[in-house]
PDB file of N, CA and C in Angstrom:
ATOM      1  N   MET A   1     120.675  94.694  75.796  1.00  0.00           N
ATOM      2  CA  MET A   1     119.505  93.958  75.405  1.00  0.00           C
ATOM      3  C   MET A   1     119.771  92.460  75.413  1.00  0.00           C
ATOM      4  N   LYS A   2     120.971  92.035  75.058  1.00  0.00           N
ATOM      5  CA  LYS A   2     121.269  90.611  75.039  1.00  0.00           C
ATOM      6  C   LYS A   2     121.411  90.090  76.468  1.00  0.00           C
ATOM      7  N   THR A   3     120.867  88.911  76.705  1.00  0.00           N
ATOM      8  CA  THR A   3     120.850  88.355  78.055  1.00  0.00           C
ATOM      9  C   THR A   3     121.675  87.083  78.195  1.00  0.00           C
ATOM     10  N   ARG A   4     122.111  86.506  77.098  1.00  0.00           N
ATOM     11  CA  ARG A   4     122.817  85.214  77.086  1.00  0.00           C
ATOM     12  C   ARG A   4     121.978  84.105  77.717  1.00  0.00           C
ATOM     13  N   ARG A   5     120.662  84.229  77.539  1.00  0.00           N
ATOM     14  CA  ARG A   5     119.705  83.224  77.975  1.00  0.00           C
ATOM     15  C   ARG A   5     118.900  82.817  76.745  1.00  0.00           C
ATOM     16  N   PHE A   6     118.366  81.595  76.761  1.00  0.00           N
ATOM     17  CA  PHE A   6     117.692  81.063  75.580  1.00  0.00           C
ATOM     18  C   PHE A   6     116.345  80.458  75.945  1.00  0.00           C
ATOM     19  N   CYS A   7     115.418  80.526  75.002  1.00  0.00           N
ATOM     20  CA  CYS A   7     114.062  80.006  75.194  1.00  0.00           C
ATOM     21  C   CYS A   7     114.086  78.478  75.287  1.00  0.00           C
ATOM     22  N   PRO A   8     113.366  77.906  76.247  1.00  0.00           N
ATOM     23  CA  PRO A   8     113.339  76.448  76.368  1.00  0.00           C
ATOM     24  C   PRO A   8     112.467  75.773  75.308  1.00  0.00           C
ATOM     25  N   HIS A   9     111.645  76.553  74.597  1.00  0.00           N
ATOM     26  CA  HIS A   9     110.756  75.983  73.583  1.00  0.00           C
ATOM     27  C   HIS A   9     111.357  76.000  72.184  1.00  0.00           C
ATOM     28  N   CYS A  10     111.928  77.154  71.806  1.00  0.00           N
ATOM     29  CA  CYS A  10     112.406  77.277  70.428  1.00  0.00           C
ATOM     30  C   CYS A  10     113.918  77.489  70.331  1.00  0.00           C
ATOM     31  N   GLY A  11     114.602  77.758  71.425  1.00  0.00           N
ATOM     32  CA  GLY A  11     116.045  77.920  71.407  1.00  0.00           C
ATOM     33  C   GLY A  11     116.536  79.301  71.020  1.00  0.00           C
ATOM     34  N   ARG A  12     115.628  80.223  70.750  1.00  0.00           N
ATOM     35  CA  ARG A  12     116.037  81.576  70.388  1.00  0.00           C
ATOM     36  C   ARG A  12     116.471  82.349  71.630  1.00  0.00           C
ATOM     37  N   PRO A  13     117.307  83.358  71.445  1.00  0.00           N
ATOM     38  CA  PRO A  13     117.685  84.206  72.586  1.00  0.00           C
ATOM     39  C   PRO A  13     116.465  84.953  73.121  1.00  0.00           C
ATOM     40  N   VAL A  14     116.420  85.133  74.429  1.00  0.00           N
ATOM     41  CA  VAL A  14     115.329  85.874  75.055  1.00  0.00           C
ATOM     42  C   VAL A  14     115.827  87.260  75.458  1.00  0.00           C
ATOM     43  N   VAL A  15     114.896  88.161  75.673  1.00  0.00           N
ATOM     44  CA  VAL A  15     115.210  89.517  76.113  1.00  0.00           C
ATOM     45  C   VAL A  15     114.546  89.756  77.464  1.00  0.00           C
ATOM     46  N   LYS A  16     114.937  90.814  78.129  1.00  0.00           N
ATOM     47  CA  LYS A  16     114.325  91.148  79.409  1.00  0.00           C
ATOM     48  C   LYS A  16     112.866  91.500  79.196  1.00  0.00           C
ATOM     49  N   SER A  17     112.018  91.005  80.076  1.00  0.00           N
ATOM     50  CA  SER A  17     110.583  91.192  79.937  1.00  0.00           C
ATOM     51  C   SER A  17     110.133  92.488  80.585  1.00  0.00           C
ATOM     52  N   CYS A  18     109.124  93.100  79.992  1.00  0.00           N
ATOM     53  CA  CYS A  18     108.506  94.299  80.562  1.00  0.00           C
ATOM     54  C   CYS A  18     107.321  93.937  81.450  1.00  0.00           C
ATOM     55  N   VAL A  19     106.925  92.680  81.443  1.00  0.00           N
ATOM     56  CA  VAL A  19     105.788  92.211  82.227  1.00  0.00           C
ATOM     57  C   VAL A  19     106.222  91.990  83.669  1.00  0.00           C
ATOM     58  N   LYS A  20     105.481  92.568  84.598  1.00  0.00           N
ATOM     59  CA  LYS A  20     105.818  92.446  86.014  1.00  0.00           C
ATOM     60  C   LYS A  20     105.708  90.989  86.465  1.00  0.00           C
ATOM     61  N   GLY A  21     106.728  90.509  87.150  1.00  0.00           N
ATOM     62  CA  GLY A  21     106.733  89.143  87.652  1.00  0.00           C
ATOM     63  C   GLY A  21     107.520  88.176  86.786  1.00  0.00           C
ATOM     64  N   TYR A  22     107.842  88.569  85.572  1.00  0.00           N
ATOM     65  CA  TYR A  22     108.625  87.727  84.668  1.00  0.00           C
ATOM     66  C   TYR A  22     109.969  88.385  84.388  1.00  0.00           C
ATOM     67  N   ALA A  23     110.973  87.569  84.171  1.00  0.00           N
ATOM     68  CA  ALA A  23     112.308  88.104  83.929  1.00  0.00           C
ATOM     69  C   ALA A  23     112.650  88.186  82.452  1.00  0.00           C
ATOM     70  N   PHE A  24     112.182  87.219  81.645  1.00  0.00           N
ATOM     71  CA  PHE A  24     112.580  87.152  80.237  1.00  0.00           C
ATOM     72  C   PHE A  24     111.380  86.935  79.329  1.00  0.00           C
ATOM     73  N   GLN A  25     111.550  87.339  78.064  1.00  0.00           N
ATOM     74  CA  GLN A  25     110.502  87.175  77.064  1.00  0.00           C
ATOM     75  C   GLN A  25     111.109  86.673  75.763  1.00  0.00           C
ATOM     76  N   CYS A  26     110.417  85.743  75.124  1.00  0.00           N
ATOM     77  CA  CYS A  26     110.835  85.228  73.823  1.00  0.00           C
ATOM     78  C   CYS A  26     109.909  85.822  72.766  1.00  0.00           C
ATOM     79  N   TYR A  27     110.498  86.524  71.778  1.00  0.00           N
ATOM     80  CA  TYR A  27     109.690  87.102  70.714  1.00  0.00           C
ATOM     81  C   TYR A  27     109.214  86.049  69.724  1.00  0.00           C
ATOM     82  N   GLY A  28     109.929  84.940  69.611  1.00  0.00           N
ATOM     83  CA  GLY A  28     109.521  83.879  68.693  1.00  0.00           C
ATOM     84  C   GLY A  28     108.287  83.144  69.182  1.00  0.00           C
ATOM     85  N   CYS A  29     108.269  82.792  70.453  1.00  0.00           N
ATOM     86  CA  CYS A  29     107.148  82.056  71.044  1.00  0.00           C
ATOM     87  C   CYS A  29     106.080  82.983  71.614  1.00  0.00           C
ATOM     88  N   ASP A  30     106.428  84.230  71.822  1.00  0.00           N
ATOM     89  CA  ASP A  30     105.554  85.210  72.455  1.00  0.00           C
ATOM     90  C   ASP A  30     105.150  84.744  73.851  1.00  0.00           C
ATOM     91  N   GLU A  31     106.142  84.306  74.622  1.00  0.00           N
ATOM     92  CA  GLU A  31     105.918  83.850  75.988  1.00  0.00           C
ATOM     93  C   GLU A  31     106.891  84.532  76.931  1.00  0.00           C
ATOM     94  N   ASP A  32     106.478  84.621  78.188  1.00  0.00           N
ATOM     95  CA  ASP A  32     107.334  85.162  79.235  1.00  0.00           C
ATOM     96  C   ASP A  32     107.808  84.021  80.123  1.00  0.00           C
ATOM     97  N   PHE A  33     109.020  84.185  80.675  1.00  0.00           N
ATOM     98  CA  PHE A  33     109.626  83.123  81.475  1.00  0.00           C
ATOM     99  C   PHE A  33     110.205  83.663  82.773  1.00  0.00           C
ATOM    100  N   TYR A  34     110.228  82.794  83.766  1.00  0.00           N
ATOM    101  CA  TYR A  34     110.936  83.081  85.008  1.00  0.00           C
ATOM    102  C   TYR A  34     112.416  82.759  84.790  1.00  0.00           C
ATOM    103  N   PRO A  35     113.299  83.266  85.639  1.00  0.00           N
ATOM    104  CA  PRO A  35     114.738  83.026  85.443  1.00  0.00           C
ATOM    105  C   PRO A  35     115.134  81.546  85.444  1.00  0.00           C
ATOM    106  N   PHE A  36     114.443  80.718  86.206  1.00  0.00           N
ATOM    107  CA  PHE A  36     114.829  79.305  86.288  1.00  0.00           C
ATOM    108  C   PHE A  36     114.330  78.485  85.101  1.00  0.00           C
ATOM    109  N   GLU A  37     113.475  79.058  84.257  1.00  0.00           N
ATOM    110  CA  GLU A  37     112.936  78.322  83.116  1.00  0.00           C
ATOM    111  C   GLU A  37     113.811  78.381  81.869  1.00  0.00           C
ATOM    112  N   VAL A  38     114.614  79.406  81.730  1.00  0.00           N
ATOM    113  CA  VAL A  38     115.397  79.600  80.509  1.00  0.00           C
ATOM    114  C   VAL A  38     116.739  78.868  80.595  1.00  0.00           C
ATOM    115  N   TYR A  39     117.298  78.587  79.412  1.00  0.00           N
ATOM    116  CA  TYR A  39     118.613  77.963  79.345  1.00  0.00           C
ATOM    117  C   TYR A  39     119.694  79.040  79.336  1.00  0.00           C
ATOM    118  N   ARG A  40     120.841  78.680  79.864  1.00  0.00           N
ATOM    119  CA  ARG A  40     121.984  79.596  79.890  1.00  0.00           C
ATOM    120  C   ARG A  40     123.000  79.177  78.839  1.00  0.00           C
ATOM    121  N   LYS A  41     124.039  79.963  78.724  1.00  0.00           N
ATOM    122  CA  LYS A  41     125.080  79.696  77.736  1.00  0.00           C
ATOM    123  C   LYS A  41     125.760  78.351  77.982  1.00  0.00           C
ATOM    124  N   LYS A  42     125.796  77.881  79.235  1.00  0.00           N
ATOM    125  CA  LYS A  42     126.429  76.594  79.527  1.00  0.00           C
ATOM    126  C   LYS A  42     125.623  75.414  78.976  1.00  0.00           C
ATOM    127  N   HIS A  43     124.356  75.657  78.611  1.00  0.00           N
ATOM    128  CA  HIS A  43     123.501  74.623  78.017  1.00  0.00           C
ATOM    129  C   HIS A  43     123.435  74.759  76.500  1.00  0.00           C
ATOM    130  N   LEU A  44     124.440  75.352  75.901  1.00  0.00           N
ATOM    131  CA  LEU A  44     124.408  75.691  74.483  1.00  0.00           C
ATOM    132  C   LEU A  44     124.213  74.475  73.569  1.00  0.00           C
ATOM    133  N   ASP A  45     124.742  73.322  73.927  1.00  0.00           N
ATOM    134  CA  ASP A  45     124.553  72.123  73.101  1.00  0.00           C
ATOM    135  C   ASP A  45     123.074  71.743  73.009  1.00  0.00           C
ATOM    136  N   LYS A  46     122.379  71.786  74.132  1.00  0.00           N
ATOM    137  CA  LYS A  46     120.954  71.467  74.149  1.00  0.00           C
ATOM    138  C   LYS A  46     120.155  72.530  73.393  1.00  0.00           C
ATOM    139  N   VAL A  47     120.557  73.796  73.548  1.00  0.00           N
ATOM    140  CA  VAL A  47     119.889  74.894  72.846  1.00  0.00           C
ATOM    141  C   VAL A  47     120.034  74.735  71.338  1.00  0.00           C
ATOM    142  N   LYS A  48     121.206  74.341  70.877  1.00  0.00           N
ATOM    143  CA  LYS A  48     121.422  74.147  69.436  1.00  0.00           C
ATOM    144  C   LYS A  48     120.533  73.040  68.886  1.00  0.00           C
ATOM    145  N   ASP A  49     120.345  71.960  69.644  1.00  0.00           N
ATOM    146  CA  ASP A  49     119.458  70.880  69.208  1.00  0.00           C
ATOM    147  C   ASP A  49     118.009  71.358  69.127  1.00  0.00           C
ATOM    148  N   ILE A  50     117.572  72.102  70.131  1.00  0.00           N
ATOM    149  CA  ILE A  50     116.206  72.636  70.140  1.00  0.00           C
ATOM    150  C   ILE A  50     116.015  73.576  68.956  1.00  0.00           C
ATOM    151  N   ARG A  51     116.989  74.436  68.733  1.00  0.00           N
ATOM    152  CA  ARG A  51     116.906  75.418  67.638  1.00  0.00           C
ATOM    153  C   ARG A  51     116.860  74.723  66.273  1.00  0.00           C
ATOM    154  N   LYS A  52     117.677  73.681  66.119  1.00  0.00           N
ATOM    155  CA  LYS A  52     117.703  72.936  64.861  1.00  0.00           C
ATOM    156  C   LYS A  52     116.347  72.287  64.591  1.00  0.00           C
ATOM    157  N   ASN A  53     115.749  71.691  65.614  1.00  0.00           N
ATOM    158  CA  ASN A  53     114.434  71.070  65.465  1.00  0.00           C
ATOM    159  C   ASN A  53     113.357  72.109  65.162  1.00  0.00           C
ATOM    160  N   THR A  54     113.452  73.267  65.794  1.00  0.00           N
ATOM    161  CA  THR A  54     112.484  74.340  65.555  1.00  0.00           C
ATOM    162  C   THR A  54     112.568  74.841  64.128  1.00  0.00           C
ATOM    163  N   LEU A  55     113.790  75.071  63.639  1.00  0.00           N
ATOM    164  CA  LEU A  55     113.948  75.542  62.262  1.00  0.00           C
ATOM    165  C   LEU A  55     113.457  74.511  61.256  1.00  0.00           C
ATOM    166  N   ALA A  56     113.724  73.237  61.522  1.00  0.00           N
ATOM    167  CA  ALA A  56     113.253  72.176  60.627  1.00  0.00           C
ATOM    168  C   ALA A  56     111.727  72.147  60.589  1.00  0.00           C
ATOM    169  N   TRP A  57     111.095  72.281  61.755  1.00  0.00           N
ATOM    170  CA  TRP A  57     109.632  72.306  61.799  1.00  0.00           C
ATOM    171  C   TRP A  57     109.081  73.511  61.058  1.00  0.00           C
ATOM    172  N   GLU A  58     109.686  74.700  61.246  1.00  0.00           N
ATOM    173  CA  GLU A  58     109.209  75.908  60.577  1.00  0.00           C
ATOM    174  C   GLU A  58     109.340  75.798  59.060  1.00  0.00           C
ATOM    175  N   LEU A  59     110.424  75.210  58.598  1.00  0.00           N
ATOM    176  CA  LEU A  59     110.590  75.041  57.159  1.00  0.00           C
ATOM    177  C   LEU A  59     109.577  74.043  56.595  1.00  0.00           C
ATOM    178  N   GLU A  60     109.341  72.957  57.338  1.00  0.00           N
ATOM    179  CA  GLU A  60     108.381  71.947  56.889  1.00  0.00           C
ATOM    180  C   GLU A  60     106.959  72.486  56.904  1.00  0.00           C
ATOM    181  N   ALA A  61     106.614  73.249  57.930  1.00  0.00           N
ATOM    182  CA  ALA A  61     105.261  73.789  58.059  1.00  0.00           C
ATOM    183  C   ALA A  61     105.085  75.088  57.275  1.00  0.00           C
ATOM    184  N   ARG A  62     106.171  75.580  56.686  1.00  0.00           N
ATOM    185  CA  ARG A  62     106.183  76.832  55.932  1.00  0.00           C
ATOM    186  C   ARG A  62     105.693  77.998  56.777  1.00  0.00           C
ATOM    187  N   VAL A  63     106.147  78.001  58.003  1.00  0.00           N
ATOM    188  CA  VAL A  63     105.844  79.079  58.936  1.00  0.00           C
ATOM    189  C   VAL A  63     107.034  80.023  58.939  1.00  0.00           C
ATOM    190  N   HIS A  64     106.774  81.286  58.743  1.00  0.00           N
ATOM    191  CA  HIS A  64     107.866  82.264  58.749  1.00  0.00           C
ATOM    192  C   HIS A  64     107.692  83.159  59.964  1.00  0.00           C
ATOM    193  N   CYS A  65     108.453  82.889  60.980  1.00  0.00           N
ATOM    194  CA  CYS A  65     108.417  83.696  62.190  1.00  0.00           C
ATOM    195  C   CYS A  65     109.319  84.910  61.983  1.00  0.00           C
ATOM    196  N   HIS A  66     109.008  86.025  62.645  1.00  0.00           N
ATOM    197  CA  HIS A  66     109.779  87.243  62.427  1.00  0.00           C
ATOM    198  C   HIS A  66     111.219  87.130  62.908  1.00  0.00           C
ATOM    199  N   SER A  67     111.513  86.149  63.725  1.00  0.00           N
ATOM    200  CA  SER A  67     112.855  86.062  64.281  1.00  0.00           C
ATOM    201  C   SER A  67     113.638  84.858  63.766  1.00  0.00           C
ATOM    202  N   VAL A  68     113.323  84.371  62.567  1.00  0.00           N
ATOM    203  CA  VAL A  68     114.033  83.220  62.023  1.00  0.00           C
ATOM    204  C   VAL A  68     115.496  83.565  61.741  1.00  0.00           C
ATOM    205  N   HIS A  69     115.727  84.707  61.123  1.00  0.00           N
ATOM    206  CA  HIS A  69     117.086  85.062  60.746  1.00  0.00           C
ATOM    207  C   HIS A  69     117.784  85.926  61.784  1.00  0.00           C
ATOM    208  N   LYS A  70     117.043  86.780  62.471  1.00  0.00           N
ATOM    209  CA  LYS A  70     117.620  87.630  63.513  1.00  0.00           C
ATOM    210  C   LYS A  70     116.873  87.352  64.803  1.00  0.00           C
ATOM    211  N   PRO A  71     117.580  86.982  65.853  1.00  0.00           N
ATOM    212  CA  PRO A  71     116.905  86.622  67.092  1.00  0.00           C
ATOM    213  C   PRO A  71     116.252  87.804  67.801  1.00  0.00           C
ATOM    214  N   TYR A  72     116.751  89.019  67.568  1.00  0.00           N
ATOM    215  CA  TYR A  72     116.196  90.185  68.232  1.00  0.00           C
ATOM    216  C   TYR A  72     115.489  91.071  67.220  1.00  0.00           C
ATOM    217  N   PRO A  73     114.333  91.629  67.582  1.00  0.00           N
ATOM    218  CA  PRO A  73     113.651  92.525  66.651  1.00  0.00           C
ATOM    219  C   PRO A  73     114.439  93.819  66.466  1.00  0.00           C
ATOM    220  N   LYS A  74     114.230  94.444  65.344  1.00  0.00           N
ATOM    221  CA  LYS A  74     114.946  95.673  65.036  1.00  0.00           C
ATOM    222  C   LYS A  74     114.177  96.858  65.619  1.00  0.00           C
ATOM    223  N   PHE A  75     114.776  97.577  66.544  1.00  0.00           N
ATOM    224  CA  PHE A  75     114.154  98.746  67.144  1.00  0.00           C
ATOM    225  C   PHE A  75     114.591  99.992  66.399  1.00  0.00           C
ATOM    226  N   ARG A  76     113.678 100.894  66.222  1.00  0.00           N
ATOM    227  CA  ARG A  76     113.992 102.148  65.516  1.00  0.00           C
ATOM    228  C   ARG A  76     113.882 103.313  66.435  1.00  0.00           C
TER     229      ARG A  76
END
């Protein structure tokens, strides 16, 4: 399930998408991405900055996204 790819909007890890034509999906943003849109592990410094800004905004706006503490949803 882990892809070692990250969302360009919120910095959370993305998963493989079930939507035809897209490669990855972010559960935090609820968006699908093409392979060239997501960040890879080599861009981890930039991803950490994006993630830090996203968490700061969520705390300030008092928005609780389901993936704040765990990047992947829990499947049963």
